[in-house]
Protein backbone atom coordinates (compact mmCIF):
# COMPACT_ATOMS: atom_id res chain seq x y z
CA ASN A 1 85.50 -26.89 141.33
CA GLY A 2 88.18 -24.41 142.61
CA VAL A 3 87.52 -21.71 140.04
CA VAL A 4 87.78 -18.14 141.47
CA HIS A 5 85.18 -15.69 140.32
CA ASP A 6 85.44 -11.96 140.75
CA ASN A 7 82.35 -9.68 141.05
CA PHE A 8 80.06 -12.62 141.64
CA LEU A 9 76.32 -11.89 142.09
CA ALA A 10 75.03 -12.50 145.62
CA GLN A 11 71.90 -14.34 144.20
CA ASP A 12 74.25 -16.96 142.68
CA LEU A 13 75.93 -17.85 145.98
CA VAL A 14 75.35 -21.33 147.29
CA VAL A 15 76.20 -23.07 150.59
CA GLY A 16 79.92 -23.87 150.66
CA ASP A 17 81.01 -20.90 148.59
CA LEU A 18 83.98 -18.96 150.00
CA VAL A 19 83.39 -15.19 150.14
CA LEU A 20 86.36 -12.80 150.44
CA LEU A 21 85.64 -9.72 152.50
CA ALA A 22 87.66 -6.48 152.75
CA THR A 23 87.24 -2.98 154.06
CA GLY A 24 84.35 -1.25 152.31
CA ASP A 25 82.57 -4.44 151.16
CA ARG A 26 78.92 -5.14 151.78
CA VAL A 27 78.36 -8.61 153.08
CA PRO A 28 76.37 -10.45 150.35
CA ALA A 29 74.87 -13.17 152.54
CA ASP A 30 75.13 -14.54 156.13
CA CYS A 31 78.61 -15.92 156.22
CA ARG A 32 80.65 -18.00 158.70
CA VAL A 33 84.04 -16.40 159.20
CA VAL A 34 86.78 -19.04 158.89
CA ASP A 35 89.84 -16.75 158.79
CA SER A 36 90.22 -13.03 159.51
CA ILE A 37 92.77 -10.24 160.07
CA GLU A 38 91.53 -7.40 162.13
CA LEU A 39 87.98 -7.85 160.65
CA ALA A 40 85.28 -5.45 161.96
CA ALA A 41 81.73 -5.11 160.69
CA ASP A 42 79.05 -2.45 161.05
CA GLU A 43 76.00 -4.31 162.23
CA SER A 44 74.04 -1.19 163.29
CA SER A 45 71.10 -2.14 161.03
CA LEU A 46 70.64 -5.35 162.98
CA THR A 47 71.65 -4.62 166.54
CA GLY A 48 71.55 -0.75 166.81
CA GLU A 49 75.14 -0.89 168.03
CA ASN A 50 76.95 2.18 166.62
CA HIS A 51 80.48 0.74 166.88
CA PRO A 52 81.99 -1.84 164.52
CA VAL A 53 81.99 -5.44 165.86
CA ALA A 54 85.23 -7.39 165.77
CA LYS A 55 84.84 -10.69 163.85
CA THR A 56 87.02 -13.76 164.18
CA GLY A 57 87.38 -17.18 162.68
CA GLU A 58 87.45 -18.85 166.13
CA ALA A 59 84.68 -21.21 167.22
CA LEU A 60 82.11 -20.08 169.82
CA ASN A 61 81.97 -21.91 173.12
CA THR A 62 78.33 -22.92 173.31
CA ILE A 63 78.65 -26.23 175.29
CA GLY A 64 75.72 -26.39 177.68
CA ALA A 65 74.53 -22.90 176.77
CA GLN A 66 71.64 -21.43 174.81
CA SER A 67 72.06 -20.33 171.21
CA PRO A 68 74.09 -17.09 171.19
CA SER A 69 72.23 -13.84 170.27
CA ILE A 70 73.18 -11.99 167.11
CA SER A 71 75.49 -9.59 169.02
CA GLN A 72 77.37 -12.53 170.48
CA GLN A 73 78.10 -14.31 167.26
CA ASP A 74 81.65 -13.08 166.62
CA ASN A 75 82.31 -15.65 163.91
CA VAL A 76 79.42 -14.69 161.60
CA CYS A 77 79.06 -11.70 159.25
CA PHE A 78 75.42 -10.97 158.51
CA CYS A 79 73.90 -10.04 155.08
CA GLY A 80 73.89 -6.29 154.54
CA SER A 81 76.58 -5.47 157.05
CA LEU A 82 79.41 -3.19 155.99
CA ILE A 83 82.98 -4.29 156.53
CA ARG A 84 84.57 -1.34 158.34
CA ALA A 85 88.16 -2.67 158.76
CA GLY A 86 90.38 -5.65 158.03
CA ARG A 87 89.71 -8.55 155.79
CA GLY A 88 88.38 -12.08 156.11
CA ARG A 89 86.95 -15.09 154.38
């Protein structure tokens, strides 16, 4: 309905909600990134990678390919990840 809620509980999120992410935020649910500015997420709990991963709103090129692994999904922020830099939605 276009209403903006601040400090919304993760358990109340539904498909289609737009989540604003900024440095220091914990990602409340798996989210598709639609727009970002220098967004980087710490996904070490999922991948073991100790460096932040750059995230972008660009589509993945998966034509004729297998589904990308978690570490290749540059347009998805995963639940529990920490936003280390930038902002996105």
